[in-house]
C-alpha cells in the first residue's frame, strides 16, 4: 500500500481547510502553509484576505532584542505557542519597537518604517507623509516619532485593515491602510481626553483610563477617522472612589478585567 500524496489535494479543499484554521488559530494556518509549495499556493488568497483581528489573542513572551532568532508568542485563548526568527529581516532593518504580536522596523538606509506580521510573514511599508488640517502637525512620520512630546505608545490593526498609530496619552492618532501613500492625522480636543493611561486594544476599540473622565473608549472600526469619537463607558466618579488605588485594564481570554491595585508610598 502506497502512502497518499497529500500535495495533490484539490486546491479548493486546501483553501477551505485554511479558512477554517485561520479563523480558529493562525498558528495552525502557518503550519499548514509550511507543509509544501502547492499548499502555500492554494492558500495565498486566504493569507491576503486574513483578518488581523484573529491575532489579537497572541502576546510576545520573549524579548526580541535579546534573542531575535527565537521570539516566542503565546495564545491566551488556546494556550498554544509559536516561535519566530526575526534575524533574516535585521540585515536591512533594525527593530524599533514591538507591540503585542507586531514588530515596527526601521530601514537602515532610508530610515523609513515598516510593520512586520510574524505569523503571515507580511512586511508592510508605512508611508512617510502625514496629511492634516492641524497647523502644528508634523509633515512626516519620522519627524513625529522623533519628537520628544510624541511618544509612540501603540500600533493597532483593525478588522477593516486600518493601521493606527497612537501617541502621547492617545490624544493623537495616525491612520492609514496598506498601500496608501500618506497618513491621516487625528487630534482629540482637551474636552474629549486629557490624560490616558494603560491603553488596551480590544475588538476594534481602544479602551483606556482617563484620570478626569473615567473608563473611555475610541471605536476604530469606522472607515473615516473623523467618526471615531471618544465615548465614556464608566465615569470617573465610579472608578476613582479609592484615590490610593492604581487601575489596570487586562484582556483575560476575551473578557476585560479592571484590576485595582494599591499604590505603594514612594513608588
Protein backbone atom coordinates (compact mmCIF):
# COMPACT_ATOMS: atom_id res chain seq x y z
CA UNK A 1 0.00 0.00 0.00
CA UNK A 2 1.49 3.33 -1.06
CA UNK A 3 1.42 6.44 1.06
CA UNK A 4 -1.08 9.10 -0.10
CA UNK A 5 0.30 12.15 -1.90
CA UNK A 6 -1.03 14.97 0.25
CA UNK A 7 0.37 17.59 -2.13
CA UNK A 8 -2.20 16.56 -4.73
CA UNK A 9 -5.22 17.58 -2.64
CA UNK A 10 -7.67 19.78 -4.59
CA UNK A 11 -6.80 23.45 -4.22
CA UNK A 12 -10.35 24.43 -3.21
CA UNK A 13 -10.30 21.84 -0.41
CA UNK A 14 -6.95 23.10 0.91
CA UNK A 15 -8.22 26.69 0.77
CA UNK A 16 -11.39 25.74 2.67
CA UNK A 17 -9.37 23.99 5.39
CA UNK A 18 -7.07 27.01 5.58
CA UNK A 19 -10.05 29.33 6.04
CA UNK A 20 -11.30 27.27 8.97
CA UNK A 21 -7.85 27.16 10.57
CA UNK A 22 -7.14 30.88 10.29
CA UNK A 23 -10.45 31.76 11.92
CA UNK A 24 -9.64 29.47 14.86
CA UNK A 25 -5.87 29.61 15.36
CA UNK A 26 -3.48 31.34 12.98
CA UNK A 27 -0.53 29.20 14.14
CA UNK A 28 -2.19 26.10 12.67
CA UNK A 29 -2.70 28.02 9.43
CA UNK A 30 1.01 28.89 9.37
CA UNK A 31 1.95 25.23 9.89
CA UNK A 32 -0.39 24.16 7.08
CA UNK A 33 1.31 26.56 4.68
CA UNK A 34 4.71 25.17 5.68
CA UNK A 35 3.87 21.63 4.51
CA UNK A 36 4.59 22.10 0.78
CA UNK A 37 4.63 24.60 -2.08
CA UNK A 38 1.25 23.55 -3.58
CA UNK A 39 -0.45 24.17 -0.24
CA UNK A 40 1.15 27.61 0.00
CA UNK A 41 -0.08 28.43 -3.49
CA UNK A 42 -3.59 27.20 -2.65
CA UNK A 43 -3.77 29.41 0.46
CA UNK A 44 -2.22 32.62 -0.93
CA UNK A 45 -5.62 34.30 -1.32
CA UNK A 46 -6.67 33.27 2.20
CA UNK A 47 -3.44 34.79 3.53
CA UNK A 48 -4.05 38.07 1.69
CA UNK A 49 -7.65 38.28 2.97
CA UNK A 50 -6.71 37.37 6.53
CA UNK A 51 -8.38 39.43 9.23
CA UNK A 52 -5.62 40.63 11.56
CA UNK A 53 -8.10 40.66 14.42
CA UNK A 54 -7.60 36.88 14.68
CA UNK A 55 -4.10 37.62 16.01
CA UNK A 56 -5.07 39.76 18.98
CA UNK A 57 -5.06 36.83 21.39
CA UNK A 58 -1.31 36.46 20.86
CA UNK A 59 1.22 38.05 23.20
CA UNK A 60 5.00 38.18 22.94
CA UNK A 61 6.74 36.34 25.80
CA UNK A 62 10.42 36.76 24.93
CA UNK A 63 12.46 39.89 24.32
CA UNK A 64 13.15 40.16 20.56
CA UNK A 65 16.18 42.39 21.21
CA UNK A 66 17.98 39.86 23.39
CA UNK A 67 17.02 36.78 21.36
CA UNK A 68 15.83 37.75 17.86
CA UNK A 69 16.35 34.23 16.47
CA UNK A 70 13.71 32.69 18.74
CA UNK A 71 10.90 35.11 19.59
CA UNK A 72 8.19 33.21 21.45
CA UNK A 73 4.47 34.03 21.27
CA UNK A 74 1.67 32.65 23.43
CA UNK A 75 -2.06 32.47 22.69
CA UNK A 76 -4.09 33.47 25.76
CA UNK A 77 -7.18 31.70 24.39
CA UNK A 78 -5.86 28.37 23.02
CA UNK A 79 -2.67 28.27 25.16
CA UNK A 80 -0.61 27.36 22.09
CA UNK A 81 2.85 28.76 21.41
CA UNK A 82 4.58 29.95 18.27
CA UNK A 83 8.26 30.75 17.57
CA UNK A 84 9.58 33.23 15.03
CA UNK A 85 13.06 34.00 13.70
CA UNK A 86 13.47 37.76 13.27
CA UNK A 87 17.12 37.72 12.18
CA UNK A 88 16.55 37.49 8.36
CA UNK A 89 14.88 40.92 8.50
CA UNK A 90 17.67 42.54 10.52
CA UNK A 91 20.05 42.65 7.54
CA UNK A 92 18.01 45.53 6.11
CA UNK A 93 16.00 46.77 9.09
CA UNK A 94 16.57 47.46 12.76
CA UNK A 95 13.96 46.68 15.39
CA UNK A 96 12.44 49.98 16.52
CA UNK A 97 9.65 48.74 18.79
CA UNK A 98 7.47 45.68 19.34
CA UNK A 99 3.76 45.74 20.24
CA UNK A 100 1.85 42.59 21.24
CA UNK A 101 2.27 40.43 18.11
CA UNK A 102 3.74 43.10 15.78
CA UNK A 103 7.22 44.43 15.02
CA UNK A 104 7.85 48.03 13.99
CA UNK A 105 11.02 48.03 11.89
CA UNK A 106 13.17 50.93 10.68
CA UNK A 107 15.07 50.73 7.39
CA UNK A 108 18.81 51.17 7.93
CA UNK A 109 19.32 53.30 4.78
CA UNK A 110 16.07 55.15 4.04
CA UNK A 111 15.07 55.46 7.73
CA UNK A 112 11.51 54.58 6.67
CA UNK A 113 9.28 52.39 8.84
CA UNK A 114 7.61 49.04 8.10
CA UNK A 115 5.21 46.83 10.05
CA UNK A 116 6.02 43.12 10.27
CA UNK A 117 3.37 40.48 10.94
CA UNK A 118 5.41 37.44 12.06
CA UNK A 119 2.57 34.95 11.56
CA UNK A 120 1.85 35.89 7.96
CA UNK A 121 5.46 36.89 7.20
CA UNK A 122 3.95 40.12 5.88
CA UNK A 123 6.16 43.21 5.77
CA UNK A 124 4.09 46.35 5.13
CA UNK A 125 6.00 49.57 4.28
CA UNK A 126 4.46 52.51 6.12
CA UNK A 127 4.05 55.89 4.41
CA UNK A 128 6.11 58.86 5.49
CA UNK A 129 3.79 61.73 4.51
CA UNK A 130 1.17 62.98 7.00
CA UNK A 131 -1.99 64.80 5.88
CA UNK A 132 -3.60 67.05 8.49
CA UNK A 133 -5.63 70.23 8.92
CA UNK A 134 -3.82 70.94 12.20
CA UNK A 135 -1.29 73.75 11.85
CA UNK A 136 1.13 72.20 14.34
CA UNK A 137 1.02 68.65 12.96
CA UNK A 138 4.34 67.23 11.68
CA UNK A 139 4.55 66.55 7.94
CA UNK A 140 6.50 63.28 8.15
CA UNK A 141 6.18 60.15 10.29
CA UNK A 142 9.89 60.22 11.08
CA UNK A 143 9.58 63.77 12.46
CA UNK A 144 6.55 62.85 14.57
CA UNK A 145 8.20 59.82 16.16
CA UNK A 146 11.47 61.70 16.81
CA UNK A 147 9.73 64.50 18.74
CA UNK A 148 10.05 64.09 22.48
CA UNK A 149 6.48 65.27 23.01
CA UNK A 150 5.07 62.48 20.83
CA UNK A 151 5.88 59.15 22.44
CA UNK A 152 4.73 56.23 20.30
CA UNK A 153 2.50 54.20 22.62
CA UNK A 154 0.78 51.68 20.37
CA UNK A 155 0.33 50.15 16.91
CA UNK A 156 -3.12 48.71 16.19
CA UNK A 157 -4.58 46.89 13.17
CA UNK A 158 -8.37 46.92 12.87
CA UNK A 159 -10.65 44.36 11.23
CA UNK A 160 -11.10 46.78 8.31
CA UNK A 161 -7.31 46.74 7.75
CA UNK A 162 -6.75 50.24 9.13
CA UNK A 163 -3.30 50.63 10.67
CA UNK A 164 -3.47 53.06 13.59
CA UNK A 165 -0.53 54.58 15.47
CA UNK A 166 -1.19 56.06 18.91
CA UNK A 167 0.94 58.75 20.52
CA UNK A 168 1.27 60.65 23.79
CA UNK A 169 -1.74 59.98 26.02
CA UNK A 170 -3.58 58.72 22.89
CA UNK A 171 -4.88 62.20 22.07
CA UNK A 172 -3.10 61.92 18.71
CA UNK A 173 -3.78 59.09 16.24
CA UNK A 174 -2.45 58.34 12.75
CA UNK A 175 -4.49 56.27 10.29
CA UNK A 176 -3.52 54.52 7.05
CA UNK A 177 -4.20 51.40 5.01
CA UNK A 178 -1.66 49.06 3.38
CA UNK A 179 -0.69 50.63 0.06
CA UNK A 180 -1.75 54.19 0.96
CA UNK A 181 0.77 56.96 0.31
CA UNK A 182 0.04 59.05 3.39
CA UNK A 183 -1.32 59.09 6.96
CA UNK A 184 -4.48 60.80 8.20
CA UNK A 185 -3.75 62.75 11.40
CA UNK A 186 -6.44 62.92 14.10
CA UNK A 187 -6.09 65.10 17.18
CA UNK A 188 -8.60 64.93 20.03
CA UNK A 189 -9.59 68.07 21.89
CA UNK A 190 -8.87 68.72 25.54
CA UNK A 191 -12.55 68.43 26.43
CA UNK A 192 -12.58 64.93 24.86
CA UNK A 193 -9.50 63.46 26.51
CA UNK A 194 -6.80 64.80 28.80
CA UNK A 195 -4.65 62.10 30.37
CA UNK A 196 -4.77 58.49 29.14
CA UNK A 197 -3.05 55.54 30.80
CA UNK A 198 -2.97 51.77 30.38
CA UNK A 199 -4.27 51.61 26.79
CA UNK A 200 -5.84 48.30 25.70
CA UNK A 201 -6.89 47.42 22.15
CA UNK A 202 -9.92 45.11 22.11
CA UNK A 203 -12.28 44.27 19.22
CA UNK A 204 -11.53 47.42 17.20
CA UNK A 205 -11.77 49.65 20.25
CA UNK A 206 -9.15 51.50 22.26
CA UNK A 207 -10.02 51.22 25.94
CA UNK A 208 -8.17 53.37 28.40
CA UNK A 209 -8.47 55.11 31.76
CA UNK A 210 -8.69 58.89 31.69
CA UNK A 211 -7.90 60.46 35.06
CA UNK A 212 -10.63 63.08 34.51
CA UNK A 213 -13.35 61.21 32.61
CA UNK A 214 -13.02 57.57 33.73
CA UNK A 215 -13.00 54.46 31.52
CA UNK A 216 -13.30 55.68 27.93
CA UNK A 217 -13.18 54.07 24.50
CA UNK A 218 -12.49 55.10 20.91
CA UNK A 219 -14.13 52.98 18.22
CA UNK A 220 -11.57 52.35 15.46
CA UNK A 221 -13.94 50.28 13.29
CA UNK A 222 -15.09 53.35 11.37
CA UNK A 223 -13.67 53.82 7.89
CA UNK A 224 -13.37 57.57 8.48
CA UNK A 225 -11.10 58.62 11.38
CA UNK A 226 -13.24 61.72 11.95
CA UNK A 227 -16.12 59.45 13.02
CA UNK A 228 -14.10 57.86 15.81
CA UNK A 229 -15.22 59.85 18.82
CA UNK A 230 -14.33 59.44 22.48
CA UNK A 231 -17.06 57.71 24.48
CA UNK A 232 -17.22 57.48 28.28
CA UNK A 233 -18.00 53.89 29.36
CA UNK A 234 -17.69 54.31 33.15
CA UNK A 235 -17.44 57.84 34.61
CA UNK A 236 -14.54 58.72 36.87
CA UNK A 237 -16.90 59.23 39.84
CA UNK A 238 -17.50 55.46 39.87
CA UNK A 239 -13.89 54.49 39.16
CA UNK A 240 -11.86 56.67 41.47
CA UNK A 241 -13.63 56.15 44.78
CA UNK A 242 -10.28 54.98 46.19
CA UNK A 243 -7.73 57.64 45.27
CA UNK A 244 -4.86 55.46 46.55
CA UNK A 245 -5.55 52.69 44.03
CA UNK A 246 -3.99 52.07 40.62
CA UNK A 247 -6.31 50.81 37.88
CA UNK A 248 -5.19 48.42 35.15
CA UNK A 249 -7.06 47.01 32.16
CA UNK A 250 -6.39 43.34 31.40
CA UNK A 251 -7.62 41.20 28.50
CA UNK A 252 -8.29 37.81 30.07
CA UNK A 253 -9.21 35.39 27.29
CA UNK A 254 -11.63 37.81 25.63
CA UNK A 255 -13.01 39.29 28.86
CA UNK A 256 -11.91 42.74 30.01
CA UNK A 257 -10.96 42.91 33.68
CA UNK A 258 -10.46 46.17 35.55
CA UNK A 259 -7.81 45.36 38.13
CA UNK A 260 -7.44 47.57 41.18
CA UNK A 261 -4.06 47.61 42.89
CA UNK A 262 -2.91 49.65 45.87
CA UNK A 263 -0.16 52.17 45.29
CA UNK A 264 2.94 51.72 47.45
CA UNK A 265 4.03 55.03 49.07
CA UNK A 266 7.19 56.35 47.45
CA UNK A 267 6.82 54.15 44.33
